[in-house]
Amino acid sequence: MAEVQRMPGEKIYEYDLSITGVTDYGVTLEAILSGKEKVPLQGTRFDVAFEGGGKGRLTGNVHGVDYVVMRADGRADLDVRATLETEDGHRIAVQIDGVGTPRANEPIVDLVENIRLTTAAPKYDWVNSRQIWGIGSVDLATGKIHVEAFMQ
């Protein structure tokens, strides 16, 4: 995967995830990526399930779904719901919105994310009031996702 650009702030996690399933609604992701079909003018939705682990201040495993809307102009609108399970057994709810921008002539989508984390676990309640930005990429050829998150 291509190297992710750096962002100001404290890096609180770096996660490597795998796409575990894709649900389509009328047109398949494979058909669009292969050029057999175009994204309809109204766009199309894909539910992309993922899971994986990472390290940093929030070391643990994450699993969830990105309810992606792929627009006819190529942009992907991200809408993620996930659960982060820390290595010490606490759960943090993850909600992300953002933008995916495909690279020309590559199976790579660059990600820019606005991340909201919430938990009632006292050890991690510091995440509830902080702005977190994420940057990363998805390699559609391998089904791998890499994301780094920075707390402002």
Protein backbone atom coordinates (compact mmCIF):
# COMPACT_ATOMS: atom_id res chain seq x y z
CA MET A 1 0.00 0.00 0.00
CA ALA A 2 1.06 3.56 -0.55
CA GLU A 3 2.37 5.51 2.40
CA VAL A 4 -0.21 7.54 4.27
CA GLN A 5 0.35 11.29 4.60
CA ARG A 6 1.03 12.60 8.11
CA MET A 7 -1.50 14.70 9.98
CA PRO A 8 -0.96 17.01 12.98
CA GLY A 9 -2.05 15.87 16.43
CA GLU A 10 -1.37 12.84 18.57
CA LYS A 11 -1.56 9.57 16.66
CA ILE A 12 -3.81 7.38 18.79
CA TYR A 13 -4.05 4.30 16.60
CA GLU A 14 -2.95 2.63 13.41
CA TYR A 15 -5.15 -0.19 12.16
CA ASP A 16 -4.79 -2.77 9.41
CA LEU A 17 -8.14 -4.23 8.41
CA SER A 18 -9.47 -6.74 5.93
CA ILE A 19 -12.69 -6.51 3.95
CA THR A 20 -14.73 -9.56 4.96
CA GLY A 21 -17.80 -9.07 2.78
CA VAL A 22 -19.61 -6.70 0.43
CA THR A 23 -23.38 -6.40 0.00
CA ASP A 24 -24.49 -4.64 -3.17
CA TYR A 25 -27.80 -3.06 -4.15
CA GLY A 26 -28.30 -3.57 -7.87
CA VAL A 27 -24.80 -3.30 -9.28
CA THR A 28 -21.75 -5.17 -8.02
CA LEU A 29 -18.53 -3.52 -6.96
CA GLU A 30 -16.63 -5.93 -9.22
CA ALA A 31 -18.67 -4.83 -12.26
CA ILE A 32 -17.89 -1.18 -11.54
CA LEU A 33 -14.19 -1.78 -10.87
CA SER A 34 -13.79 -3.88 -14.03
CA GLY A 35 -15.51 -1.23 -16.16
CA LYS A 36 -18.38 -3.56 -17.15
CA GLU A 37 -20.86 -1.17 -15.53
CA LYS A 38 -20.81 2.49 -14.58
CA VAL A 39 -22.01 3.96 -11.33
CA PRO A 40 -25.66 4.99 -11.87
CA LEU A 41 -26.37 8.73 -11.90
CA GLN A 42 -28.09 8.44 -8.50
CA GLY A 43 -25.09 6.56 -7.11
CA THR A 44 -25.08 3.12 -5.55
CA ARG A 45 -24.62 1.72 -2.07
CA PHE A 46 -22.32 -1.02 -0.85
CA ASP A 47 -22.23 -2.37 2.69
CA VAL A 48 -18.57 -3.22 3.28
CA ALA A 49 -17.90 -5.43 6.32
CA PHE A 50 -14.41 -5.33 7.79
CA GLU A 51 -12.34 -6.50 10.73
CA GLY A 52 -8.78 -6.35 11.93
CA GLY A 53 -6.46 -5.09 14.59
CA GLY A 54 -4.14 -2.31 15.41
CA LYS A 55 -1.80 -0.66 17.80
CA GLY A 56 -1.29 2.63 19.54
CA ARG A 57 -3.02 4.27 22.45
CA LEU A 58 -6.13 2.31 21.43
CA THR A 59 -4.65 -1.13 20.77
CA GLY A 60 -7.22 -3.80 20.04
CA ASN A 61 -9.50 -5.27 17.41
CA VAL A 62 -12.23 -3.61 15.40
CA HIS A 63 -15.14 -4.96 13.38
CA GLY A 64 -17.92 -3.15 11.62
CA VAL A 65 -19.60 -2.06 8.41
CA ASP A 66 -19.05 0.92 6.11
CA TYR A 67 -22.31 1.89 4.39
CA VAL A 68 -20.56 3.39 1.37
CA VAL A 69 -22.42 5.44 -1.22
CA MET A 70 -20.44 5.52 -4.45
CA ARG A 71 -21.30 8.60 -6.45
CA ALA A 72 -21.32 8.91 -10.23
CA ASP A 73 -18.45 11.43 -10.03
CA GLY A 74 -16.21 8.75 -8.47
CA ARG A 75 -16.30 9.98 -4.90
CA ALA A 76 -17.33 7.59 -2.14
CA ASP A 77 -19.24 8.92 0.87
CA LEU A 78 -18.31 6.93 3.97
CA ASP A 79 -20.68 6.07 6.83
CA VAL A 80 -19.03 3.63 9.24
CA ARG A 81 -20.38 1.95 12.37
CA ALA A 82 -17.98 -0.29 14.25
CA THR A 83 -16.92 -1.65 17.62
CA LEU A 84 -13.38 -1.30 18.88
CA GLU A 85 -12.52 -3.90 21.53
CA THR A 86 -9.43 -2.82 23.43
CA GLU A 87 -6.76 -5.32 24.42
CA ASP A 88 -7.89 -5.01 28.05
CA GLY A 89 -11.51 -5.90 27.26
CA HIS A 90 -13.29 -2.54 26.97
CA ARG A 91 -15.56 -1.59 24.08
CA ILE A 92 -15.58 1.72 22.26
CA ALA A 93 -18.31 2.63 19.75
CA VAL A 94 -16.93 3.97 16.48
CA GLN A 95 -18.83 6.26 14.12
CA ILE A 96 -17.08 7.64 11.05
CA ASP A 97 -18.08 9.83 8.15
CA GLY A 98 -15.73 10.86 5.44
CA VAL A 99 -14.70 10.72 1.83
CA GLY A 100 -13.02 8.09 -0.30
CA THR A 101 -11.27 9.29 -3.44
CA PRO A 102 -10.14 6.72 -6.02
CA ARG A 103 -6.70 7.09 -7.53
CA ALA A 104 -6.48 7.23 -11.31
CA ASN A 105 -5.52 3.90 -12.88
CA GLU A 106 -4.98 2.17 -9.52
CA PRO A 107 -7.23 -0.02 -7.35
CA ILE A 108 -6.54 2.32 -4.41
CA VAL A 109 -9.03 4.60 -2.64
CA ASP A 110 -7.62 7.33 -0.38
CA LEU A 111 -9.60 7.96 2.80
CA VAL A 112 -10.16 11.10 4.87
CA GLU A 113 -12.31 10.51 7.95
CA ASN A 114 -14.04 12.35 10.78
CA ILE A 115 -14.06 9.87 13.68
CA ARG A 116 -16.29 9.93 16.74
CA LEU A 117 -15.52 7.52 19.56
CA THR A 118 -17.77 6.96 22.58
CA THR A 119 -17.59 4.72 25.62
CA ALA A 120 -18.74 4.55 29.23
CA ALA A 121 -15.50 2.81 30.28
CA PRO A 122 -13.77 5.23 32.71
CA LYS A 123 -10.29 4.26 31.48
CA TYR A 124 -11.14 5.42 27.95
CA ASP A 125 -13.68 8.19 28.56
CA TRP A 126 -11.11 10.71 27.30
CA VAL A 127 -12.19 9.72 23.74
CA ASN A 128 -15.72 11.07 24.26
CA SER A 129 -14.80 14.75 24.05
CA ARG A 130 -12.01 14.74 21.49
CA GLN A 131 -11.95 15.48 17.77
CA ILE A 132 -10.29 12.65 15.86
CA TRP A 133 -9.31 12.69 12.20
CA GLY A 134 -8.28 9.65 10.19
CA ILE A 135 -6.38 9.19 6.97
CA GLY A 136 -5.73 6.00 5.13
CA SER A 137 -6.29 3.92 2.05
CA VAL A 138 -8.12 0.88 0.75
CA ASP A 139 -6.50 -1.49 -1.72
CA LEU A 140 -9.48 -2.92 -3.59
CA ALA A 141 -7.29 -5.53 -5.31
CA THR A 142 -6.26 -7.11 -1.99
CA GLY A 143 -9.20 -6.10 0.21
CA LYS A 144 -6.85 -4.44 2.71
CA ILE A 145 -7.52 -1.20 4.59
CA HIS A 146 -4.94 0.89 6.44
CA VAL A 147 -6.04 3.78 8.67
CA GLU A 148 -4.19 6.09 11.05
CA ALA A 149 -6.12 8.27 13.52
CA PHE A 150 -4.98 11.54 15.07
CA MET A 151 -6.51 13.24 18.10
CA GLN A 152 -6.63 17.02 17.98
